[in-house]
Amino acid sequence: MIKQEILPPLTISAGDYDRLAFLASFGLNFQQDRPAAAMLANELLRATVLSARAVPASVATMHSRLEFRDDVTWEIRCATLVYPDEDNSGADRVSVLSPEGAALIGLGEGQSITWRTPKGWRSLTLLRVLYQPHGRFVEPWRELS
Protein backbone atom coordinates (compact mmCIF):
# COMPACT_ATOMS: atom_id res chain seq x y z
CA MET A 1 0.00 0.00 0.00
CA ILE A 2 2.38 2.69 1.26
CA LYS A 3 6.07 2.81 0.45
CA GLN A 4 7.82 1.74 3.64
CA GLU A 5 10.84 3.99 3.25
CA ILE A 6 8.83 7.22 3.19
CA LEU A 7 6.48 6.68 6.09
CA PRO A 8 6.50 9.57 8.54
CA PRO A 9 5.76 9.03 12.22
CA LEU A 10 2.09 9.39 13.17
CA THR A 11 0.39 10.55 16.35
CA ILE A 12 -3.25 9.74 17.08
CA SER A 13 -5.40 10.44 20.12
CA ALA A 14 -6.73 7.42 22.00
CA GLY A 15 -10.35 8.41 21.28
CA ASP A 16 -9.69 8.84 17.56
CA TYR A 17 -7.78 5.56 17.50
CA ASP A 18 -10.68 3.54 18.93
CA ARG A 19 -13.25 4.88 16.48
CA LEU A 20 -10.85 4.71 13.51
CA ALA A 21 -9.91 1.10 14.27
CA PHE A 22 -13.61 0.21 14.20
CA LEU A 23 -14.13 2.11 10.92
CA ALA A 24 -11.14 0.47 9.29
CA SER A 25 -12.25 -3.05 10.24
CA PHE A 26 -15.85 -2.31 9.25
CA GLY A 27 -14.78 -0.71 5.94
CA LEU A 28 -12.87 -3.84 4.93
CA ASN A 29 -16.29 -5.51 4.45
CA PHE A 30 -17.36 -3.12 1.68
CA GLN A 31 -15.81 -3.17 -1.78
CA GLN A 32 -15.93 0.61 -2.30
CA ASP A 33 -14.25 1.30 1.07
CA ARG A 34 -11.78 -1.60 1.13
CA PRO A 35 -8.62 0.12 -0.26
CA ALA A 36 -8.90 3.18 2.00
CA ALA A 37 -9.92 1.02 4.99
CA ALA A 38 -6.83 -1.17 4.48
CA MET A 39 -4.64 1.93 4.21
CA LEU A 40 -6.18 3.36 7.39
CA ALA A 41 -5.66 0.05 9.22
CA ASN A 42 -1.98 0.04 8.20
CA GLU A 43 -1.57 3.62 9.39
CA LEU A 44 -3.13 2.80 12.76
CA LEU A 45 -0.74 -0.12 13.28
CA ARG A 46 2.26 2.18 13.20
CA ALA A 47 0.78 5.18 15.03
CA THR A 48 1.81 6.46 18.43
CA VAL A 49 -1.37 6.72 20.52
CA LEU A 50 -1.57 9.54 23.08
CA SER A 51 -4.26 11.07 25.26
CA ALA A 52 -6.16 13.83 23.44
CA ARG A 53 -4.55 16.48 25.67
CA ALA A 54 -1.04 15.23 24.81
CA VAL A 55 -1.46 15.47 21.02
CA PRO A 56 0.42 18.55 19.75
CA ALA A 57 -1.70 21.22 18.06
CA SER A 58 0.39 20.76 14.90
CA VAL A 59 -0.90 17.19 14.33
CA ALA A 60 -3.88 16.30 12.11
CA THR A 61 -6.65 14.76 14.21
CA MET A 62 -10.28 14.11 13.47
CA HIS A 63 -12.16 17.38 12.91
CA SER A 64 -8.93 19.28 12.26
CA ARG A 65 -9.01 22.01 9.62
CA LEU A 66 -5.97 21.36 7.41
CA GLU A 67 -4.05 23.00 4.61
CA PHE A 68 -2.32 20.36 2.51
CA ARG A 69 -0.65 19.97 -0.87
CA ASP A 70 -1.00 17.25 -3.46
CA ASP A 71 2.69 16.74 -4.30
CA VAL A 72 1.89 15.35 -7.74
CA THR A 73 -0.36 18.18 -9.00
CA TRP A 74 0.89 20.87 -6.56
CA GLU A 75 -2.74 21.75 -5.78
CA ILE A 76 -3.18 23.22 -2.29
CA ARG A 77 -6.43 22.53 -0.44
CA CYS A 78 -8.01 23.45 2.86
CA ALA A 79 -10.42 20.90 4.30
CA THR A 80 -11.70 19.45 7.56
CA LEU A 81 -10.89 15.80 8.29
CA VAL A 82 -14.20 14.07 9.10
CA TYR A 83 -15.75 10.67 9.71
CA PRO A 84 -17.55 9.13 6.70
CA ASP A 85 -21.03 9.94 8.03
CA GLU A 86 -20.03 13.63 8.27
CA ASP A 87 -18.75 13.86 4.70
CA ASN A 88 -21.08 15.92 2.55
CA SER A 89 -18.89 15.32 -0.51
CA GLY A 90 -18.03 18.99 -0.46
CA ALA A 91 -14.60 20.30 -1.26
CA ASP A 92 -14.22 21.53 2.32
CA ARG A 93 -14.33 18.04 3.90
CA VAL A 94 -12.18 14.94 3.54
CA SER A 95 -13.41 11.62 4.88
CA VAL A 96 -10.87 9.63 6.88
CA LEU A 97 -12.17 6.61 4.94
CA SER A 98 -10.79 8.06 1.69
CA PRO A 99 -7.18 7.66 0.55
CA GLU A 100 -6.46 11.35 1.27
CA GLY A 101 -8.03 11.21 4.72
CA ALA A 102 -6.26 7.98 5.66
CA ALA A 103 -2.99 9.58 4.53
CA LEU A 104 -3.52 12.80 6.49
CA ILE A 105 -4.63 11.44 9.88
CA GLY A 106 -1.82 11.66 12.41
CA LEU A 107 0.59 13.66 10.23
CA GLY A 108 2.41 16.64 11.69
CA GLU A 109 2.91 19.94 9.92
CA GLY A 110 5.57 19.66 7.21
CA GLN A 111 5.34 15.87 6.95
CA SER A 112 4.69 14.13 3.63
CA ILE A 113 3.39 10.68 2.82
CA THR A 114 3.56 8.77 -0.46
CA TRP A 115 1.49 5.74 -1.46
CA ARG A 116 0.71 3.68 -4.53
CA THR A 117 -2.74 3.63 -6.14
CA PRO A 118 -4.01 1.68 -9.16
CA LYS A 119 -3.41 4.88 -11.19
CA GLY A 120 0.13 5.53 -9.92
CA TRP A 121 1.86 7.20 -7.00
CA ARG A 122 0.20 9.80 -4.78
CA SER A 123 1.86 12.08 -2.29
CA LEU A 124 0.49 14.64 0.17
CA THR A 125 2.22 17.15 2.42
CA LEU A 126 0.49 18.62 5.46
CA LEU A 127 1.34 22.30 5.27
CA ARG A 128 -0.57 23.65 8.29
CA VAL A 129 -3.07 22.64 10.91
CA LEU A 130 -5.42 25.62 10.92
CA TYR A 131 -7.59 24.25 13.74
CA GLN A 132 -7.22 21.15 15.88
CA PRO A 133 -9.81 20.39 18.56
CA HIS A 134 -7.63 18.10 20.68
CA GLY A 135 -4.25 19.80 20.82
CA ARG A 136 -3.19 22.44 23.20
CA PHE A 137 -1.64 25.67 22.09
CA VAL A 138 2.03 25.93 22.96
CA GLU A 139 3.75 29.26 22.66
CA PRO A 140 6.70 28.91 20.27
CA TRP A 141 9.24 29.98 22.88
CA ARG A 142 8.13 27.35 25.43
CA GLU A 143 8.89 23.64 25.46
CA LEU A 144 6.25 21.01 26.06
CA SER A 145 6.59 19.55 29.56
C-alpha atoms as a PDB file:
ATOM      1  CA  MET A   1       0.000   0.000   0.000  1.00  0.00           C
ATOM      2  CA  ILE A   2       2.378   2.689   1.265  1.00  0.00           C
ATOM      3  CA  LYS A   3       6.072   2.806   0.446  1.00  0.00           C
ATOM      4  CA  GLN A   4       7.820   1.738   3.641  1.00  0.00           C
ATOM      5  CA  GLU A   5      10.842   3.994   3.255  1.00  0.00           C
ATOM      6  CA  ILE A   6       8.830   7.224   3.190  1.00  0.00           C
ATOM      7  CA  LEU A   7       6.482   6.675   6.089  1.00  0.00           C
ATOM      8  CA  PRO A   8       6.502   9.568   8.542  1.00  0.00           C
ATOM      9  CA  PRO A   9       5.764   9.027  12.220  1.00  0.00           C
ATOM     10  CA  LEU A  10       2.088   9.393  13.168  1.00  0.00           C
ATOM     11  CA  THR A  11       0.388  10.554  16.346  1.00  0.00           C
ATOM     12  CA  ILE A  12      -3.254   9.744  17.075  1.00  0.00           C
ATOM     13  CA  SER A  13      -5.402  10.445  20.116  1.00  0.00           C
ATOM     14  CA  ALA A  14      -6.733   7.421  22.000  1.00  0.00           C
ATOM     15  CA  GLY A  15     -10.346   8.411  21.285  1.00  0.00           C
ATOM     16  CA  ASP A  16      -9.690   8.838  17.565  1.00  0.00           C
ATOM     17  CA  TYR A  17      -7.784   5.559  17.505  1.00  0.00           C
ATOM     18  CA  ASP A  18     -10.678   3.537  18.931  1.00  0.00           C
ATOM     19  CA  ARG A  19     -13.245   4.880  16.476  1.00  0.00           C
ATOM     20  CA  LEU A  20     -10.846   4.711  13.507  1.00  0.00           C
ATOM     21  CA  ALA A  21      -9.908   1.099  14.269  1.00  0.00           C
ATOM     22  CA  PHE A  22     -13.607   0.211  14.203  1.00  0.00           C
ATOM     23  CA  LEU A  23     -14.128   2.112  10.923  1.00  0.00           C
ATOM     24  CA  ALA A  24     -11.136   0.466   9.290  1.00  0.00           C
ATOM     25  CA  SER A  25     -12.250  -3.046  10.239  1.00  0.00           C
ATOM     26  CA  PHE A  26     -15.855  -2.307   9.250  1.00  0.00           C
ATOM     27  CA  GLY A  27     -14.776  -0.707   5.937  1.00  0.00           C
ATOM     28  CA  LEU A  28     -12.874  -3.836   4.928  1.00  0.00           C
ATOM     29  CA  ASN A  29     -16.288  -5.506   4.453  1.00  0.00           C
ATOM     30  CA  PHE A  30     -17.363  -3.116   1.678  1.00  0.00           C
ATOM     31  CA  GLN A  31     -15.811  -3.169  -1.782  1.00  0.00           C
ATOM     32  CA  GLN A  32     -15.934   0.606  -2.300  1.00  0.00           C
ATOM     33  CA  ASP A  33     -14.253   1.300   1.072  1.00  0.00           C
ATOM     34  CA  ARG A  34     -11.779  -1.599   1.133  1.00  0.00           C
ATOM     35  CA  PRO A  35      -8.620   0.122  -0.261  1.00  0.00           C
ATOM     36  CA  ALA A  36      -8.904   3.182   2.004  1.00  0.00           C
ATOM     37  CA  ALA A  37      -9.915   1.016   4.985  1.00  0.00           C
ATOM     38  CA  ALA A  38      -6.834  -1.171   4.480  1.00  0.00           C
ATOM     39  CA  MET A  39      -4.639   1.926   4.212  1.00  0.00           C
ATOM     40  CA  LEU A  40      -6.185   3.361   7.386  1.00  0.00           C
ATOM     41  CA  ALA A  41      -5.658   0.051   9.221  1.00  0.00           C
ATOM     42  CA  ASN A  42      -1.980   0.036   8.202  1.00  0.00           C
ATOM     43  CA  GLU A  43      -1.567   3.616   9.386  1.00  0.00           C
ATOM     44  CA  LEU A  44      -3.128   2.802  12.763  1.00  0.00           C
ATOM     45  CA  LEU A  45      -0.741  -0.117  13.275  1.00  0.00           C
ATOM     46  CA  ARG A  46       2.262   2.183  13.199  1.00  0.00           C
ATOM     47  CA  ALA A  47       0.777   5.184  15.027  1.00  0.00           C
ATOM     48  CA  THR A  48       1.806   6.457  18.433  1.00  0.00           C
ATOM     49  CA  VAL A  49      -1.367   6.724  20.520  1.00  0.00           C
ATOM     50  CA  LEU A  50      -1.567   9.542  23.084  1.00  0.00           C
ATOM     51  CA  SER A  51      -4.264  11.067  25.256  1.00  0.00           C
ATOM     52  CA  ALA A  52      -6.159  13.829  23.440  1.00  0.00           C
ATOM     53  CA  ARG A  53      -4.549  16.481  25.666  1.00  0.00           C
ATOM     54  CA  ALA A  54      -1.039  15.228  24.810  1.00  0.00           C
ATOM     55  CA  VAL A  55      -1.458  15.471  21.023  1.00  0.00           C
ATOM     56  CA  PRO A  56       0.420  18.550  19.748  1.00  0.00           C
ATOM     57  CA  ALA A  57      -1.700  21.221  18.061  1.00  0.00           C
ATOM     58  CA  SER A  58       0.391  20.758  14.902  1.00  0.00           C
ATOM     59  CA  VAL A  59      -0.901  17.189  14.334  1.00  0.00           C
ATOM     60  CA  ALA A  60      -3.875  16.303  12.107  1.00  0.00           C
ATOM     61  CA  THR A  61      -6.646  14.765  14.207  1.00  0.00           C
ATOM     62  CA  MET A  62     -10.276  14.110  13.468  1.00  0.00           C
ATOM     63  CA  HIS A  63     -12.157  17.382  12.908  1.00  0.00           C
ATOM     64  CA  SER A  64      -8.926  19.283  12.260  1.00  0.00           C
ATOM     65  CA  ARG A  65      -9.006  22.013   9.625  1.00  0.00           C
ATOM     66  CA  LEU A  66      -5.973  21.358   7.411  1.00  0.00           C
ATOM     67  CA  GLU A  67      -4.046  23.003   4.609  1.00  0.00           C
ATOM     68  CA  PHE A  68      -2.317  20.357   2.512  1.00  0.00           C
ATOM     69  CA  ARG A  69      -0.651  19.974  -0.868  1.00  0.00           C
ATOM     70  CA  ASP A  70      -0.995  17.247  -3.462  1.00  0.00           C
ATOM     71  CA  ASP A  71       2.689  16.742  -4.295  1.00  0.00           C
ATOM     72  CA  VAL A  72       1.892  15.354  -7.735  1.00  0.00           C
ATOM     73  CA  THR A  73      -0.364  18.180  -8.996  1.00  0.00           C
ATOM     74  CA  TRP A  74       0.890  20.873  -6.558  1.00  0.00           C
ATOM     75  CA  GLU A  75      -2.741  21.751  -5.777  1.00  0.00           C
ATOM     76  CA  ILE A  76      -3.178  23.221  -2.287  1.00  0.00           C
ATOM     77  CA  ARG A  77      -6.435  22.532  -0.438  1.00  0.00           C
ATOM     78  CA  CYS A  78      -8.013  23.449   2.860  1.00  0.00           C
ATOM     79  CA  ALA A  79     -10.419  20.902   4.302  1.00  0.00           C
ATOM     80  CA  THR A  80     -11.702  19.449   7.555  1.00  0.00           C
ATOM     81  CA  LEU A  81     -10.890  15.802   8.288  1.00  0.00           C
ATOM     82  CA  VAL A  82     -14.196  14.073   9.096  1.00  0.00           C
ATOM     83  CA  TYR A  83     -15.752  10.670   9.713  1.00  0.00           C
ATOM     84  CA  PRO A  84     -17.551   9.125   6.699  1.00  0.00           C
ATOM     85  CA  ASP A  85     -21.028   9.943   8.027  1.00  0.00           C
ATOM     86  CA  GLU A  86     -20.033  13.634   8.267  1.00  0.00           C
ATOM     87  CA  ASP A  87     -18.748  13.858   4.696  1.00  0.00           C
ATOM     88  CA  ASN A  88     -21.078  15.923   2.553  1.00  0.00           C
ATOM     89  CA  SER A  89     -18.893  15.318  -0.513  1.00  0.00           C
ATOM     90  CA  GLY A  90     -18.034  18.990  -0.459  1.00  0.00           C
ATOM     91  CA  ALA A  91     -14.599  20.297  -1.258  1.00  0.00           C
ATOM     92  CA  ASP A  92     -14.217  21.527   2.316  1.00  0.00           C
ATOM     93  CA  ARG A  93     -14.328  18.042   3.899  1.00  0.00           C
ATOM     94  CA  VAL A  94     -12.176  14.944   3.541  1.00  0.00           C
ATOM     95  CA  SER A  95     -13.415  11.618   4.884  1.00  0.00           C
ATOM     96  CA  VAL A  96     -10.874   9.627   6.877  1.00  0.00           C
ATOM     97  CA  LEU A  97     -12.172   6.607   4.943  1.00  0.00           C
ATOM     98  CA  SER A  98     -10.788   8.055   1.695  1.00  0.00           C
ATOM     99  CA  PRO A  99      -7.176   7.661   0.549  1.00  0.00           C
ATOM    100  CA  GLU A 100      -6.463  11.347   1.270  1.00  0.00           C
ATOM    101  CA  GLY A 101      -8.033  11.209   4.720  1.00  0.00           C
ATOM    102  CA  ALA A 102      -6.262   7.979   5.658  1.00  0.00           C
ATOM    103  CA  ALA A 103      -2.990   9.581   4.535  1.00  0.00           C
ATOM    104  CA  LEU A 104      -3.516  12.804   6.495  1.00  0.00           C
ATOM    105  CA  ILE A 105      -4.626  11.441   9.878  1.00  0.00           C
ATOM    106  CA  GLY A 106      -1.816  11.657  12.407  1.00  0.00           C
ATOM    107  CA  LEU A 107       0.588  13.656  10.228  1.00  0.00           C
ATOM    108  CA  GLY A 108       2.412  16.637  11.685  1.00  0.00           C
ATOM    109  CA  GLU A 109       2.913  19.939   9.918  1.00  0.00           C
ATOM    110  CA  GLY A 110       5.571  19.665   7.214  1.00  0.00           C
ATOM    111  CA  GLN A 111       5.337  15.874   6.949  1.00  0.00           C
ATOM    112  CA  SER A 112       4.691  14.131   3.632  1.00  0.00           C
ATOM    113  CA  ILE A 113       3.387  10.679   2.823  1.00  0.00           C
ATOM    114  CA  THR A 114       3.555   8.773  -0.463  1.00  0.00           C
ATOM    115  CA  TRP A 115       1.490   5.736  -1.457  1.00  0.00           C
ATOM    116  CA  ARG A 116       0.710   3.683  -4.530  1.00  0.00           C
ATOM    117  CA  THR A 117      -2.739   3.630  -6.138  1.00  0.00           C
ATOM    118  CA  PRO A 118      -4.009   1.681  -9.156  1.00  0.00           C
ATOM    119  CA  LYS A 119      -3.414   4.877 -11.193  1.00  0.00           C
ATOM    120  CA  GLY A 120       0.125   5.526  -9.916  1.00  0.00           C
ATOM    121  CA  TRP A 121       1.860   7.199  -7.002  1.00  0.00           C
ATOM    122  CA  ARG A 122       0.197   9.800  -4.783  1.00  0.00           C
ATOM    123  CA  SER A 123       1.862  12.075  -2.285  1.00  0.00           C
ATOM    124  CA  LEU A 124       0.489  14.639   0.167  1.00  0.00           C
ATOM    125  CA  THR A 125       2.217  17.148   2.418  1.00  0.00           C
ATOM    126  CA  LEU A 126       0.490  18.616   5.462  1.00  0.00           C
ATOM    127  CA  LEU A 127       1.335  22.304   5.272  1.00  0.00           C
ATOM    128  CA  ARG A 128      -0.570  23.652   8.295  1.00  0.00           C
ATOM    129  CA  VAL A 129      -3.070  22.644  10.913  1.00  0.00           C
ATOM    130  CA  LEU A 130      -5.421  25.617  10.916  1.00  0.00           C
ATOM    131  CA  TYR A 131      -7.589  24.252  13.739  1.00  0.00           C
ATOM    132  CA  GLN A 132      -7.217  21.153  15.883  1.00  0.00           C
ATOM    133  CA  PRO A 133      -9.814  20.388  18.561  1.00  0.00           C
ATOM    134  CA  HIS A 134      -7.626  18.095  20.681  1.00  0.00           C
ATOM    135  CA  GLY A 135      -4.249  19.801  20.817  1.00  0.00           C
ATOM    136  CA  ARG A 136      -3.195  22.439  23.197  1.00  0.00           C
ATOM    137  CA  PHE A 137      -1.642  25.668  22.095  1.00  0.00           C
ATOM    138  CA  VAL A 138       2.034  25.930  22.962  1.00  0.00           C
ATOM    139  CA  GLU A 139       3.753  29.262  22.663  1.00  0.00           C
ATOM    140  CA  PRO A 140       6.703  28.906  20.269  1.00  0.00           C
ATOM    141  CA  TRP A 141       9.244  29.979  22.879  1.00  0.00           C
ATOM    142  CA  ARG A 142       8.135  27.345  25.432  1.00  0.00           C
ATOM    143  CA  GLU A 143       8.888  23.641  25.459  1.00  0.00           C
ATOM    144  CA  LEU A 144       6.249  21.007  26.065  1.00  0.00           C
ATOM    145  CA  SER A 145       6.590  19.550  29.560  1.00  0.00           C
END
